[in-house]
């Protein structure tokens, strides 16, 4: 595990239909992330937030502005990796993955991706019911979709991508996902196989013949009883311990090179519960354990 962590905030909520996830990076910071990482022994550098323009939320013409925001994010992620650091990206809605993954792929062309999410985010403009960009980033980055006005060259190999905790997918989106070659573990799979086996299989897939692994963790992967403060909650998600087991097993993988946590909405949170959970999960991904011999 790299010993320097760069915190990068991306306060974007244009990709969703609810306001509030733009405050996610601030909420995670205020919950003590920096000091917790220092306590874990990391050199921690808070790089601040990517500049996000002020755009009326009802506007449909924000692609040009997001192009610049996501290009700035991609450049900062690339510089972090080039500096031998681990970029820790805090969202914002999940559309920020377009910039995150573009930046990582500048340094790590053969990339494995773990996508922990209640949703597959594999819609495109033809399949999407809502038109929300935060439901499209994985399709866009895998070469199965575009978004008018966005211009990014990220192209993941679907065989190196695993979605975990899926339980909400549109019909046309599901067909596109089946065609893609992306591996999917639904909550039903986790019920049958157990979290340990699902993570074991997932890590084998994303580690095989890849140079690095990017973790994209949408907090709605957890059940709303554990993480109430998310943009699009779906019942029947991961328990607290299932999520931490996933994080702990990811931490043991030597190829982890970048991390993003997204979709925290402090407006919907209850007594900072989801922010505290996010910080504890980030620390688990970065090696924190209950007890070490």
Protein backbone atom coordinates (compact mmCIF):
# COMPACT_ATOMS: atom_id res chain seq x y z
CA UNK A 1 0.00 0.00 0.00
CA UNK A 2 1.37 3.42 -0.95
CA UNK A 3 2.18 5.50 2.11
CA UNK A 4 0.95 8.85 0.76
CA UNK A 5 -2.78 9.44 0.26
CA UNK A 6 -4.08 12.41 -1.70
CA UNK A 7 -7.64 13.45 -0.78
CA UNK A 8 -9.47 14.96 -3.77
CA UNK A 9 -12.99 16.33 -3.39
CA UNK A 10 -15.42 16.54 -6.32
CA UNK A 11 -18.59 18.36 -5.14
CA UNK A 12 -20.78 17.53 -8.15
CA UNK A 13 -24.50 16.79 -8.09
CA UNK A 14 -25.50 17.60 -11.68
CA UNK A 15 -25.65 13.92 -12.60
CA UNK A 16 -28.46 13.17 -10.14
CA UNK A 17 -32.02 14.41 -9.62
CA UNK A 18 -31.62 15.18 -5.89
CA UNK A 19 -29.56 18.02 -4.47
CA UNK A 20 -27.12 17.44 -1.64
CA UNK A 21 -24.45 14.96 -2.73
CA UNK A 22 -22.21 17.91 -3.63
CA UNK A 23 -21.77 18.34 0.14
CA UNK A 24 -20.51 14.77 0.54
CA UNK A 25 -16.78 15.61 0.39
CA UNK A 26 -17.14 18.25 3.11
CA UNK A 27 -19.14 15.89 5.36
CA UNK A 28 -16.52 13.15 5.09
CA UNK A 29 -13.72 15.61 5.81
CA UNK A 30 -15.54 17.08 8.83
CA UNK A 31 -15.99 13.58 10.24
CA UNK A 32 -12.23 13.32 10.72
CA UNK A 33 -10.91 11.47 7.68
CA UNK A 34 -7.58 13.32 7.54
CA UNK A 35 -6.65 12.64 11.17
CA UNK A 36 -7.79 9.02 10.98
CA UNK A 37 -5.48 8.44 8.00
CA UNK A 38 -2.62 10.11 9.84
CA UNK A 39 -3.27 7.78 12.79
CA UNK A 40 -3.02 4.83 10.39
CA UNK A 41 0.50 5.94 9.50
CA UNK A 42 -0.14 7.57 6.13
CA UNK A 43 1.27 10.81 4.86
CA UNK A 44 -2.02 12.50 4.01
CA UNK A 45 -2.33 15.48 1.67
CA UNK A 46 -5.69 17.16 1.24
CA UNK A 47 -5.65 18.55 -2.30
CA UNK A 48 -8.91 20.42 -1.81
CA UNK A 49 -11.86 20.31 -4.21
CA UNK A 50 -11.98 20.27 -7.97
CA UNK A 51 -13.56 23.51 -9.17
CA UNK A 52 -17.20 22.94 -10.06
CA UNK A 53 -19.13 25.73 -11.82
CA UNK A 54 -22.45 27.02 -10.53
CA UNK A 55 -25.14 25.86 -12.94
CA UNK A 56 -28.94 26.01 -12.49
CA UNK A 57 -29.94 22.46 -11.61
CA UNK A 58 -32.78 22.46 -14.11
CA UNK A 59 -30.33 23.23 -16.92
CA UNK A 60 -29.80 20.44 -19.47
CA UNK A 61 -26.76 22.16 -20.99
CA UNK A 62 -24.02 21.46 -18.47
CA UNK A 63 -21.88 19.04 -20.50
CA UNK A 64 -19.28 21.67 -21.43
CA UNK A 65 -18.79 22.65 -17.79
CA UNK A 66 -18.60 19.02 -16.67
CA UNK A 67 -16.07 18.32 -19.41
CA UNK A 68 -13.73 20.80 -17.74
CA UNK A 69 -14.50 19.56 -14.21
CA UNK A 70 -13.87 15.93 -15.10
CA UNK A 71 -10.77 16.80 -17.10
CA UNK A 72 -9.42 18.66 -14.07
CA UNK A 73 -10.20 15.61 -11.93
CA UNK A 74 -8.50 13.27 -14.42
CA UNK A 75 -5.40 15.48 -14.44
CA UNK A 76 -5.22 15.62 -10.64
CA UNK A 77 -5.67 11.85 -10.31
CA UNK A 78 -2.95 11.29 -12.90
CA UNK A 79 -0.55 13.67 -11.11
CA UNK A 80 -1.22 11.91 -7.81
CA UNK A 81 -0.38 8.51 -9.30
CA UNK A 82 2.67 9.92 -11.10
CA UNK A 83 3.82 11.23 -7.72
CA UNK A 84 3.64 7.65 -6.34
CA UNK A 85 0.61 8.52 -4.19
CA UNK A 86 -2.80 6.93 -3.83
CA UNK A 87 -5.66 9.21 -4.93
CA UNK A 88 -8.70 9.07 -2.63
CA UNK A 89 -11.57 10.74 -4.47
CA UNK A 90 -14.64 11.93 -2.56
CA UNK A 91 -17.92 12.57 -4.40
CA UNK A 92 -20.30 13.94 -5.38
CA UNK A 93 -22.53 11.80 -7.52
CA UNK A 94 -21.23 8.71 -9.30
CA UNK A 95 -20.80 10.47 -12.63
CA UNK A 96 -17.44 11.68 -11.27
CA UNK A 97 -16.10 8.19 -12.05
CA UNK A 98 -15.80 9.33 -15.67
CA UNK A 99 -13.03 11.72 -14.61
CA UNK A 100 -11.54 9.42 -11.99
CA UNK A 101 -11.19 6.44 -14.33
CA UNK A 102 -9.87 8.60 -17.17
CA UNK A 103 -7.11 9.85 -14.89
CA UNK A 104 -6.21 6.40 -13.58
CA UNK A 105 -6.08 4.95 -17.09
CA UNK A 106 -3.53 7.57 -18.14
CA UNK A 107 -1.15 5.83 -15.72
CA UNK A 108 -2.57 2.28 -15.57
CA UNK A 109 -3.82 1.26 -19.00
CA UNK A 110 -4.77 -2.31 -18.05
CA UNK A 111 -7.06 -1.56 -15.13
CA UNK A 112 -9.30 -3.73 -12.97
CA UNK A 113 -12.38 -2.09 -11.43
CA UNK A 114 -14.47 -3.05 -8.39
CA UNK A 115 -17.83 -1.25 -8.59
CA UNK A 116 -19.68 -1.60 -5.26
CA UNK A 117 -23.14 -0.24 -5.90
CA UNK A 118 -26.86 -0.98 -5.62
CA UNK A 119 -27.06 0.08 -9.27
CA UNK A 120 -25.01 -0.99 -12.26
CA UNK A 121 -24.74 2.57 -13.68
CA UNK A 122 -24.71 0.94 -17.12
CA UNK A 123 -27.37 2.98 -18.86
CA UNK A 124 -26.70 5.09 -21.90
CA UNK A 125 -28.77 7.86 -23.48
CA UNK A 126 -30.81 5.29 -25.40
CA UNK A 127 -31.65 3.03 -22.44
CA UNK A 128 -31.95 5.50 -19.55
CA UNK A 129 -35.43 6.18 -18.21
CA UNK A 130 -34.41 9.28 -16.23
CA UNK A 131 -31.59 10.66 -18.35
CA UNK A 132 -29.50 11.09 -15.19
CA UNK A 133 -25.77 10.99 -15.89
CA UNK A 134 -24.95 9.28 -12.58
CA UNK A 135 -26.68 6.16 -13.97
CA UNK A 136 -24.32 6.01 -16.98
CA UNK A 137 -20.63 6.31 -15.98
CA UNK A 138 -19.69 2.62 -16.08
CA UNK A 139 -21.27 2.17 -19.52
CA UNK A 140 -19.52 5.30 -20.80
CA UNK A 141 -16.15 4.19 -19.43
CA UNK A 142 -16.59 0.67 -20.83
CA UNK A 143 -17.37 1.84 -24.35
CA UNK A 144 -21.10 1.08 -24.23
CA UNK A 145 -22.46 4.60 -24.08
CA UNK A 146 -21.91 8.29 -24.61
CA UNK A 147 -23.40 11.47 -23.21
CA UNK A 148 -24.02 14.40 -25.49
CA UNK A 149 -21.26 16.97 -25.07
CA UNK A 150 -18.96 14.82 -22.91
CA UNK A 151 -15.67 13.86 -24.55
CA UNK A 152 -13.60 11.26 -22.71
CA UNK A 153 -11.39 8.46 -23.99
CA UNK A 154 -11.51 6.10 -21.01
CA UNK A 155 -12.08 2.55 -22.25
CA UNK A 156 -12.15 -0.20 -19.65
CA UNK A 157 -12.01 -3.85 -20.61
CA UNK A 158 -15.35 -5.24 -19.35
CA UNK A 159 -13.74 -8.59 -18.49
CA UNK A 160 -11.73 -6.71 -15.82
CA UNK A 161 -14.79 -5.07 -14.21
CA UNK A 162 -16.89 -6.50 -11.36
CA UNK A 163 -20.13 -5.03 -10.00
CA UNK A 164 -20.98 -6.07 -6.42
CA UNK A 165 -24.26 -5.66 -4.45
CA UNK A 166 -26.48 -4.98 -7.49
CA UNK A 167 -30.22 -4.94 -6.75
CA UNK A 168 -31.67 -2.20 -8.95
CA UNK A 169 -31.29 -2.28 -12.73
CA UNK A 170 -33.50 -1.10 -15.61
CA UNK A 171 -34.66 -3.71 -18.14
CA UNK A 172 -32.82 -2.27 -21.16
CA UNK A 173 -29.81 -1.54 -18.96
CA UNK A 174 -29.72 -5.20 -17.88
CA UNK A 175 -29.66 -6.35 -21.50
CA UNK A 176 -26.79 -4.00 -22.27
CA UNK A 177 -24.95 -5.24 -19.20
CA UNK A 178 -25.38 -8.88 -20.26
CA UNK A 179 -23.86 -8.08 -23.65
CA UNK A 180 -20.90 -6.28 -22.13
CA UNK A 181 -18.96 -9.07 -20.43
CA UNK A 182 -18.88 -7.28 -17.06
CA UNK A 183 -19.11 -9.70 -14.11
CA UNK A 184 -22.07 -9.03 -11.81
CA UNK A 185 -22.67 -10.23 -8.26
CA UNK A 186 -26.18 -9.33 -7.11
CA UNK A 187 -27.40 -9.31 -3.53
CA UNK A 188 -28.94 -12.70 -4.30
CA UNK A 189 -25.46 -13.99 -5.13
CA UNK A 190 -24.16 -12.60 -1.85
CA UNK A 191 -27.03 -14.31 0.00
CA UNK A 192 -26.20 -17.67 -1.60
CA UNK A 193 -22.40 -17.53 -1.69
CA UNK A 194 -21.57 -15.27 1.24
CA UNK A 195 -19.60 -12.04 1.11
CA UNK A 196 -16.23 -13.70 1.54
CA UNK A 197 -16.67 -15.94 -1.52
CA UNK A 198 -18.03 -13.10 -3.64
CA UNK A 199 -15.05 -10.91 -2.77
CA UNK A 200 -12.61 -13.77 -3.34
CA UNK A 201 -13.98 -14.34 -6.84
CA UNK A 202 -14.14 -10.62 -7.54
CA UNK A 203 -10.55 -9.98 -6.53
CA UNK A 204 -9.37 -12.87 -8.67
CA UNK A 205 -11.14 -11.34 -11.70
CA UNK A 206 -9.90 -7.77 -11.27
CA UNK A 207 -6.35 -8.86 -10.35
CA UNK A 208 -5.89 -11.30 -13.21
CA UNK A 209 -3.67 -9.85 -15.95
CA UNK A 210 -4.17 -6.27 -14.74
CA UNK A 211 -1.65 -3.69 -13.58
CA UNK A 212 -3.80 -2.00 -10.95
CA UNK A 213 -7.25 -1.89 -9.34
CA UNK A 214 -9.61 1.04 -8.91
CA UNK A 215 -12.29 0.83 -6.22
CA UNK A 216 -15.49 2.78 -6.88
CA UNK A 217 -17.66 2.57 -3.76
CA UNK A 218 -21.19 3.97 -3.90
CA UNK A 219 -22.48 4.15 -0.35
CA UNK A 220 -25.93 3.02 -1.50
CA UNK A 221 -24.40 -0.45 -1.79
CA UNK A 222 -25.26 -0.67 1.90
CA UNK A 223 -28.76 -1.14 3.21
CA UNK A 224 -30.49 2.19 3.99
CA UNK A 225 -30.72 1.15 7.64
CA UNK A 226 -26.90 1.34 7.70
CA UNK A 227 -26.44 4.25 5.27
CA UNK A 228 -29.54 6.49 5.23
CA UNK A 229 -27.73 9.51 3.80
CA UNK A 230 -27.40 8.49 0.15
CA UNK A 231 -28.86 9.87 -3.07
CA UNK A 232 -30.74 6.77 -4.26
CA UNK A 233 -31.30 4.27 -1.42
CA UNK A 234 -32.48 0.73 -2.20
CA UNK A 235 -33.63 -1.74 0.46
CA UNK A 236 -31.92 -5.08 0.89
CA UNK A 237 -28.31 -3.96 0.72
CA UNK A 238 -25.07 -4.88 2.43
CA UNK A 239 -24.86 -5.05 6.21
CA UNK A 240 -22.26 -3.10 8.14
CA UNK A 241 -20.04 -6.16 8.53
CA UNK A 242 -20.45 -7.32 4.92
CA UNK A 243 -19.28 -3.91 3.74
CA UNK A 244 -16.32 -3.93 6.10
CA UNK A 245 -15.37 -7.46 5.08
CA UNK A 246 -15.35 -6.32 1.46
CA UNK A 247 -13.17 -3.35 2.40
CA UNK A 248 -10.79 -5.49 4.45
CA UNK A 249 -10.34 -8.01 1.64
CA UNK A 250 -9.72 -5.22 -0.87
CA UNK A 251 -7.05 -3.81 1.46
CA UNK A 252 -5.16 -7.11 1.25
CA UNK A 253 -4.82 -6.74 -2.53
CA UNK A 254 -1.43 -5.31 -3.49
CA UNK A 255 -2.72 -3.87 -6.79
CA UNK A 256 -5.10 -1.30 -5.31
CA UNK A 257 -4.04 2.03 -6.84
CA UNK A 258 -7.01 4.40 -6.48
CA UNK A 259 -10.21 4.76 -4.46
CA UNK A 260 -13.41 6.77 -4.75
CA UNK A 261 -16.38 7.01 -2.39
CA UNK A 262 -19.52 8.64 -3.78
CA UNK A 263 -23.19 9.54 -3.30
CA UNK A 264 -23.10 10.64 0.35
CA UNK A 265 -25.97 13.12 0.85
CA UNK A 266 -25.66 14.87 4.25
CA UNK A 267 -29.12 16.43 3.83
CA UNK A 268 -30.65 12.96 4.06
CA UNK A 269 -28.28 11.62 6.71
CA UNK A 270 -29.29 10.87 10.31
CA UNK A 271 -26.95 12.12 13.04
CA UNK A 272 -23.96 11.89 10.68
CA UNK A 273 -24.35 8.10 10.53
CA UNK A 274 -23.45 7.69 6.86
CA UNK A 275 -20.47 10.06 7.03
CA UNK A 276 -19.05 8.12 9.96
CA UNK A 277 -19.62 4.88 8.10
CA UNK A 278 -17.85 6.26 5.02
CA UNK A 279 -14.78 7.23 7.05
CA UNK A 280 -14.65 3.84 8.78
CA UNK A 281 -14.93 2.01 5.44
CA UNK A 282 -12.20 4.14 3.88
CA UNK A 283 -9.96 3.31 6.83
CA UNK A 284 -10.71 -0.41 6.41
CA UNK A 285 -9.84 -0.22 2.70
CA UNK A 286 -6.56 1.39 3.74
CA UNK A 287 -5.68 -1.34 6.22
CA UNK A 288 -7.31 -0.55 9.55
CA UNK A 289 -8.20 -3.67 11.55
CA UNK A 290 -9.98 -4.39 14.83
CA UNK A 291 -6.92 -6.13 16.26
CA UNK A 292 -3.46 -6.87 14.89
CA UNK A 293 -0.92 -9.29 16.29
